[in-house]
Structures are given as C-alpha cells and as structure tokens.
Amino acid sequence: MAESLNFDWVPFYREIAQKLLSYKDNRATLVAEIKEVFASIGLALSKLNK
C-alpha cells in the first residue's frame, strides 16, 4: 500500500528552530553571528545583506 515515509530530518530542524527562538527579538545578533561563521570559513554571504 503506502510506502513508509522517512523523516529523519525532523529532529535536526526542530533543534534549529529551538536555537533560533533565542534570537527572535535580536535579529542583529543572529545576522552578526552568521556573518562571523561564514567569514571564518571563507564564504561570502551577499544574499543575507539584502
């Protein structure tokens, strides 16, 4: 009948959502931290600035 669905990604996204909640009233800090991570690994973040 219906094939078994595999949702192994749900706990990962649930944890990300929980972590993001601490930034719900402080977007500037979140953006600054994301920029810092990307800079530390040498990647550009041009879309985030828009």
N, C-alpha and C. Protein backbone atom coordinates (compact mmCIF):
# COMPACT_ATOMS: atom_id res chain seq x y z
N MET A 1 0.83 -1.19 0.00
CA MET A 1 0.00 0.00 0.00
C MET A 1 0.87 1.26 0.00
N ALA A 2 0.77 2.04 1.02
CA ALA A 2 1.58 3.27 1.09
C ALA A 2 2.99 2.91 1.54
N GLU A 3 3.95 3.51 0.88
CA GLU A 3 5.33 3.24 1.26
C GLU A 3 5.66 3.97 2.56
N SER A 4 6.59 3.42 3.29
CA SER A 4 6.99 4.01 4.56
C SER A 4 7.72 5.33 4.31
N LEU A 5 7.34 6.36 5.04
CA LEU A 5 7.98 7.67 4.91
C LEU A 5 9.11 7.79 5.93
N ASN A 6 10.20 8.36 5.50
CA ASN A 6 11.36 8.51 6.36
C ASN A 6 11.58 10.01 6.63
N PHE A 7 11.37 10.41 7.85
CA PHE A 7 11.52 11.81 8.23
C PHE A 7 12.64 11.98 9.24
N ASP A 8 13.82 11.46 8.92
CA ASP A 8 14.97 11.55 9.81
C ASP A 8 15.42 12.98 10.03
N TRP A 9 15.05 13.89 9.15
CA TRP A 9 15.48 15.28 9.23
C TRP A 9 14.69 16.09 10.26
N VAL A 10 13.56 15.59 10.71
CA VAL A 10 12.69 16.36 11.62
C VAL A 10 13.41 16.76 12.91
N PRO A 11 14.10 15.86 13.61
CA PRO A 11 14.78 16.29 14.84
C PRO A 11 15.83 17.38 14.60
N PHE A 12 16.53 17.29 13.46
CA PHE A 12 17.53 18.30 13.12
C PHE A 12 16.89 19.67 12.98
N TYR A 13 15.81 19.77 12.23
CA TYR A 13 15.14 21.06 12.02
C TYR A 13 14.43 21.54 13.27
N ARG A 14 13.94 20.61 14.09
CA ARG A 14 13.32 21.00 15.35
C ARG A 14 14.36 21.67 16.25
N GLU A 15 15.56 21.10 16.30
CA GLU A 15 16.62 21.67 17.12
C GLU A 15 17.05 23.04 16.60
N ILE A 16 17.16 23.19 15.29
CA ILE A 16 17.49 24.50 14.71
C ILE A 16 16.42 25.52 15.10
N ALA A 17 15.16 25.14 14.99
CA ALA A 17 14.07 26.06 15.34
C ALA A 17 14.17 26.47 16.81
N GLN A 18 14.48 25.52 17.68
CA GLN A 18 14.60 25.85 19.09
C GLN A 18 15.75 26.83 19.34
N LYS A 19 16.88 26.62 18.66
CA LYS A 19 18.03 27.52 18.82
C LYS A 19 17.71 28.91 18.29
N LEU A 20 16.98 28.99 17.18
CA LEU A 20 16.64 30.28 16.60
C LEU A 20 15.69 31.09 17.48
N LEU A 21 14.91 30.42 18.30
CA LEU A 21 13.98 31.13 19.17
C LEU A 21 14.70 32.12 20.10
N SER A 22 15.93 31.82 20.46
CA SER A 22 16.65 32.74 21.35
C SER A 22 17.00 34.05 20.65
N TYR A 23 16.87 34.09 19.33
CA TYR A 23 17.16 35.29 18.55
C TYR A 23 15.90 36.00 18.07
N LYS A 24 14.74 35.57 18.51
CA LYS A 24 13.50 36.11 17.94
C LYS A 24 13.36 37.62 18.11
N ASP A 25 13.97 38.17 19.15
CA ASP A 25 13.90 39.61 19.37
C ASP A 25 15.24 40.30 19.14
N ASN A 26 16.18 39.58 18.53
CA ASN A 26 17.51 40.15 18.34
C ASN A 26 18.12 39.68 17.02
N ARG A 27 17.50 40.09 15.94
CA ARG A 27 17.94 39.66 14.61
C ARG A 27 19.36 40.14 14.31
N ALA A 28 19.72 41.31 14.78
CA ALA A 28 21.05 41.86 14.50
C ALA A 28 22.15 40.93 15.03
N THR A 29 21.96 40.39 16.22
CA THR A 29 22.95 39.46 16.78
C THR A 29 23.02 38.18 15.95
N LEU A 30 21.88 37.67 15.55
CA LEU A 30 21.85 36.46 14.72
C LEU A 30 22.61 36.69 13.41
N VAL A 31 22.33 37.79 12.74
CA VAL A 31 22.99 38.11 11.47
C VAL A 31 24.49 38.27 11.68
N ALA A 32 24.88 38.95 12.75
CA ALA A 32 26.30 39.14 13.03
C ALA A 32 26.99 37.80 13.26
N GLU A 33 26.35 36.90 13.97
CA GLU A 33 26.95 35.59 14.23
C GLU A 33 27.03 34.74 12.96
N ILE A 34 26.02 34.83 12.13
CA ILE A 34 26.06 34.10 10.86
C ILE A 34 27.20 34.64 9.99
N LYS A 35 27.34 35.95 9.93
CA LYS A 35 28.42 36.55 9.15
C LYS A 35 29.78 36.11 9.67
N GLU A 36 29.91 36.04 10.98
CA GLU A 36 31.17 35.63 11.60
C GLU A 36 31.52 34.19 11.21
N VAL A 37 30.55 33.31 11.24
CA VAL A 37 30.79 31.91 10.87
C VAL A 37 31.21 31.82 9.41
N PHE A 38 30.48 32.49 8.53
CA PHE A 38 30.82 32.44 7.11
C PHE A 38 32.20 33.03 6.84
N ALA A 39 32.54 34.13 7.51
CA ALA A 39 33.86 34.73 7.34
C ALA A 39 34.95 33.77 7.80
N SER A 40 34.70 33.06 8.88
CA SER A 40 35.71 32.15 9.41
C SER A 40 35.99 30.97 8.50
N ILE A 41 35.02 30.64 7.63
CA ILE A 41 35.25 29.54 6.69
C ILE A 41 35.49 30.03 5.27
N GLY A 42 35.55 31.35 5.11
CA GLY A 42 35.91 31.94 3.83
C GLY A 42 34.81 31.95 2.78
N LEU A 43 33.56 32.02 3.21
CA LEU A 43 32.44 32.08 2.26
C LEU A 43 31.78 33.46 2.30
N ALA A 44 31.33 33.90 1.14
CA ALA A 44 30.62 35.18 1.05
C ALA A 44 29.15 34.99 1.40
N LEU A 45 28.55 36.03 1.93
CA LEU A 45 27.15 35.99 2.33
C LEU A 45 26.38 37.14 1.71
N SER A 46 26.48 37.35 0.43
CA SER A 46 25.88 38.51 -0.20
C SER A 46 24.36 38.54 -0.10
N LYS A 47 23.69 37.41 -0.15
CA LYS A 47 22.22 37.38 -0.10
C LYS A 47 21.70 37.79 1.28
N LEU A 48 22.43 37.51 2.34
CA LEU A 48 21.98 37.87 3.68
C LEU A 48 21.88 39.38 3.84
N ASN A 49 22.75 40.11 3.17
CA ASN A 49 22.73 41.56 3.29
C ASN A 49 21.51 42.19 2.63
N LYS A 50 20.89 41.48 1.71
CA LYS A 50 19.69 42.02 1.06
C LYS A 50 18.54 41.84 1.96
